[in-house]
């Protein structure tokens, strides 16, 4: 009887634990890649001069060259060159609110929004 009680108790807590672990595994696939990409994007814009923020792109100056940050083939790229920040996205929106640059992107019908830098209009 005692053994049966222990088995029932363990099976009762095993199912929720397995569900949680599977959701964490699914979340980590893109969530942590996005977090790293956002952090790299924040560093990129913090170290260089943001010239212009448009609905779907950002122009910034890096080492006396002008770069554009925009979506190309489902990737957020900085060009010229091909510095890649975020993968697998279908749409991006850049907005400025109270001097903060907000980056929104859509992946699998879900929108995500992050602050990525500051923009001081002259």
C-alpha atoms as a PDB file:
ATOM      1  CA  UNK A   1       0.000   0.000   0.000  1.00  0.00           C
ATOM      2  CA  UNK A   2       2.843   2.377   0.876  1.00  0.00           C
ATOM      3  CA  UNK A   3       4.630   1.639  -2.399  1.00  0.00           C
ATOM      4  CA  UNK A   4       1.456   2.327  -4.363  1.00  0.00           C
ATOM      5  CA  UNK A   5       1.010   5.670  -2.561  1.00  0.00           C
ATOM      6  CA  UNK A   6       4.591   6.713  -3.380  1.00  0.00           C
ATOM      7  CA  UNK A   7       4.172   5.749  -7.044  1.00  0.00           C
ATOM      8  CA  UNK A   8       0.917   7.726  -7.305  1.00  0.00           C
ATOM      9  CA  UNK A   9       2.525  10.762  -5.669  1.00  0.00           C
ATOM     10  CA  UNK A  10       5.580  10.662  -7.946  1.00  0.00           C
ATOM     11  CA  UNK A  11       3.497  10.221 -11.088  1.00  0.00           C
ATOM     12  CA  UNK A  12       1.346  13.155 -10.013  1.00  0.00           C
ATOM     13  CA  UNK A  13       4.297  15.530  -9.859  1.00  0.00           C
ATOM     14  CA  UNK A  14       6.181  14.071 -12.834  1.00  0.00           C
ATOM     15  CA  UNK A  15       3.628  15.126 -15.466  1.00  0.00           C
ATOM     16  CA  UNK A  16       3.683  18.876 -14.576  1.00  0.00           C
ATOM     17  CA  UNK A  17       7.481  18.829 -14.400  1.00  0.00           C
ATOM     18  CA  UNK A  18       7.749  17.251 -17.854  1.00  0.00           C
ATOM     19  CA  UNK A  19       5.281  19.785 -19.305  1.00  0.00           C
ATOM     20  CA  UNK A  20       7.307  22.646 -17.829  1.00  0.00           C
ATOM     21  CA  UNK A  21      10.578  21.269 -19.159  1.00  0.00           C
ATOM     22  CA  UNK A  22       9.173  20.856 -22.660  1.00  0.00           C
ATOM     23  CA  UNK A  23       7.860  24.451 -22.681  1.00  0.00           C
ATOM     24  CA  UNK A  24      11.251  25.719 -21.477  1.00  0.00           C
ATOM     25  CA  UNK A  25      12.986  23.787 -24.250  1.00  0.00           C
ATOM     26  CA  UNK A  26      10.643  25.252 -26.882  1.00  0.00           C
ATOM     27  CA  UNK A  27      11.057  28.751 -25.430  1.00  0.00           C
ATOM     28  CA  UNK A  28      14.827  28.587 -25.346  1.00  0.00           C
ATOM     29  CA  UNK A  29      15.103  27.768 -29.036  1.00  0.00           C
ATOM     30  CA  UNK A  30      14.262  31.324 -30.126  1.00  0.00           C
ATOM     31  CA  UNK A  31      13.943  33.245 -26.857  1.00  0.00           C
ATOM     32  CA  UNK A  32      17.606  33.137 -25.898  1.00  0.00           C
ATOM     33  CA  UNK A  33      18.770  33.744 -29.470  1.00  0.00           C
ATOM     34  CA  UNK A  34      16.528  36.825 -29.530  1.00  0.00           C
ATOM     35  CA  UNK A  35      17.900  38.039 -26.194  1.00  0.00           C
ATOM     36  CA  UNK A  36      21.474  37.743 -27.476  1.00  0.00           C
ATOM     37  CA  UNK A  37      20.573  39.467 -30.762  1.00  0.00           C
ATOM     38  CA  UNK A  38      18.809  42.315 -28.946  1.00  0.00           C
ATOM     39  CA  UNK A  39      21.807  42.793 -26.640  1.00  0.00           C
ATOM     40  CA  UNK A  40      24.185  42.923 -29.630  1.00  0.00           C
ATOM     41  CA  UNK A  41      21.849  45.375 -31.355  1.00  0.00           C
ATOM     42  CA  UNK A  42      21.762  47.586 -28.251  1.00  0.00           C
ATOM     43  CA  UNK A  43      25.574  47.611 -28.137  1.00  0.00           C
ATOM     44  CA  UNK A  44      25.824  48.408 -31.842  1.00  0.00           C
ATOM     45  CA  UNK A  45      23.533  51.429 -31.528  1.00  0.00           C
ATOM     46  CA  UNK A  46      25.069  52.574 -28.230  1.00  0.00           C
ATOM     47  CA  UNK A  47      28.560  52.688 -29.750  1.00  0.00           C
ATOM     48  CA  UNK A  48      27.587  54.536 -32.936  1.00  0.00           C
ATOM     49  CA  UNK A  49      25.616  57.623 -33.948  1.00  0.00           C
ATOM     50  CA  UNK A  50      21.986  57.004 -34.919  1.00  0.00           C
ATOM     51  CA  UNK A  51      21.201  59.336 -37.818  1.00  0.00           C
ATOM     52  CA  UNK A  52      17.611  58.480 -38.677  1.00  0.00           C
ATOM     53  CA  UNK A  53      14.847  56.183 -37.445  1.00  0.00           C
ATOM     54  CA  UNK A  54      12.249  55.139 -40.012  1.00  0.00           C
ATOM     55  CA  UNK A  55       9.277  52.812 -39.711  1.00  0.00           C
ATOM     56  CA  UNK A  56      11.191  49.827 -41.120  1.00  0.00           C
ATOM     57  CA  UNK A  57      14.860  50.867 -40.915  1.00  0.00           C
ATOM     58  CA  UNK A  58      17.505  52.727 -38.940  1.00  0.00           C
ATOM     59  CA  UNK A  59      20.421  54.647 -40.428  1.00  0.00           C
ATOM     60  CA  UNK A  60      23.520  54.968 -38.270  1.00  0.00           C
ATOM     61  CA  UNK A  61      27.125  56.054 -38.649  1.00  0.00           C
ATOM     62  CA  UNK A  62      29.944  53.627 -37.876  1.00  0.00           C
ATOM     63  CA  UNK A  63      33.590  54.518 -38.542  1.00  0.00           C
ATOM     64  CA  UNK A  64      32.580  57.377 -40.884  1.00  0.00           C
ATOM     65  CA  UNK A  65      30.404  55.026 -42.982  1.00  0.00           C
ATOM     66  CA  UNK A  66      26.607  54.991 -43.068  1.00  0.00           C
ATOM     67  CA  UNK A  67      24.878  51.694 -42.302  1.00  0.00           C
ATOM     68  CA  UNK A  68      21.243  50.672 -42.606  1.00  0.00           C
ATOM     69  CA  UNK A  69      19.558  48.291 -40.212  1.00  0.00           C
ATOM     70  CA  UNK A  70      16.582  46.567 -41.853  1.00  0.00           C
ATOM     71  CA  UNK A  71      14.974  43.201 -42.610  1.00  0.00           C
ATOM     72  CA  UNK A  72      16.304  41.098 -45.490  1.00  0.00           C
ATOM     73  CA  UNK A  73      15.105  37.527 -46.130  1.00  0.00           C
ATOM     74  CA  UNK A  74      13.585  37.142 -42.641  1.00  0.00           C
ATOM     75  CA  UNK A  75      16.741  38.437 -40.926  1.00  0.00           C
ATOM     76  CA  UNK A  76      17.520  41.765 -39.281  1.00  0.00           C
ATOM     77  CA  UNK A  77      20.739  42.850 -40.987  1.00  0.00           C
ATOM     78  CA  UNK A  78      23.121  45.768 -40.851  1.00  0.00           C
ATOM     79  CA  UNK A  79      24.371  46.684 -44.322  1.00  0.00           C
ATOM     80  CA  UNK A  80      26.751  47.225 -46.088  1.00  0.00           C
ATOM     81  CA  UNK A  81      28.068  43.850 -45.125  1.00  0.00           C
ATOM     82  CA  UNK A  82      25.783  41.359 -43.502  1.00  0.00           C
ATOM     83  CA  UNK A  83      25.931  41.676 -39.739  1.00  0.00           C
ATOM     84  CA  UNK A  84      23.010  39.535 -38.612  1.00  0.00           C
ATOM     85  CA  UNK A  85      21.103  40.231 -35.368  1.00  0.00           C
ATOM     86  CA  UNK A  86      17.744  38.367 -35.373  1.00  0.00           C
ATOM     87  CA  UNK A  87      16.652  35.367 -37.498  1.00  0.00           C
ATOM     88  CA  UNK A  88      13.286  34.050 -38.612  1.00  0.00           C
ATOM     89  CA  UNK A  89      11.232  37.229 -38.415  1.00  0.00           C
ATOM     90  CA  UNK A  90       8.594  38.320 -40.886  1.00  0.00           C
ATOM     91  CA  UNK A  91       8.163  42.021 -40.102  1.00  0.00           C
ATOM     92  CA  UNK A  92       9.910  44.807 -38.155  1.00  0.00           C
ATOM     93  CA  UNK A  93       8.833  48.201 -36.838  1.00  0.00           C
ATOM     94  CA  UNK A  94      11.099  50.870 -35.351  1.00  0.00           C
ATOM     95  CA  UNK A  95       9.569  53.663 -33.273  1.00  0.00           C
ATOM     96  CA  UNK A  96      10.866  56.542 -31.171  1.00  0.00           C
ATOM     97  CA  UNK A  97       9.006  57.350 -27.955  1.00  0.00           C
ATOM     98  CA  UNK A  98      10.490  59.852 -25.494  1.00  0.00           C
ATOM     99  CA  UNK A  99      13.917  59.523 -27.160  1.00  0.00           C
ATOM    100  CA  UNK A 100      13.919  55.714 -26.771  1.00  0.00           C
ATOM    101  CA  UNK A 101      14.138  53.606 -29.930  1.00  0.00           C
ATOM    102  CA  UNK A 102      11.749  50.666 -29.744  1.00  0.00           C
ATOM    103  CA  UNK A 103      12.193  47.610 -31.934  1.00  0.00           C
ATOM    104  CA  UNK A 104       9.165  45.413 -32.626  1.00  0.00           C
ATOM    105  CA  UNK A 105       9.278  42.262 -34.691  1.00  0.00           C
ATOM    106  CA  UNK A 106       6.883  39.533 -35.669  1.00  0.00           C
ATOM    107  CA  UNK A 107       7.690  35.843 -35.552  1.00  0.00           C
ATOM    108  CA  UNK A 108       5.090  33.107 -36.036  1.00  0.00           C
ATOM    109  CA  UNK A 109       2.157  35.542 -35.749  1.00  0.00           C
ATOM    110  CA  UNK A 110       3.406  36.910 -32.419  1.00  0.00           C
ATOM    111  CA  UNK A 111       4.825  40.401 -31.852  1.00  0.00           C
ATOM    112  CA  UNK A 112       7.798  41.140 -29.570  1.00  0.00           C
ATOM    113  CA  UNK A 113       8.946  44.627 -28.500  1.00  0.00           C
ATOM    114  CA  UNK A 114      12.274  45.749 -27.011  1.00  0.00           C
ATOM    115  CA  UNK A 115      14.017  49.065 -26.299  1.00  0.00           C
ATOM    116  CA  UNK A 116      17.256  49.133 -28.285  1.00  0.00           C
ATOM    117  CA  UNK A 117      18.729  52.619 -27.976  1.00  0.00           C
ATOM    118  CA  UNK A 118      18.370  56.360 -27.719  1.00  0.00           C
ATOM    119  CA  UNK A 119      17.705  58.863 -30.484  1.00  0.00           C
ATOM    120  CA  UNK A 120      18.418  62.548 -29.979  1.00  0.00           C
ATOM    121  CA  UNK A 121      16.960  64.667 -32.738  1.00  0.00           C
ATOM    122  CA  UNK A 122      19.024  67.740 -33.443  1.00  0.00           C
END
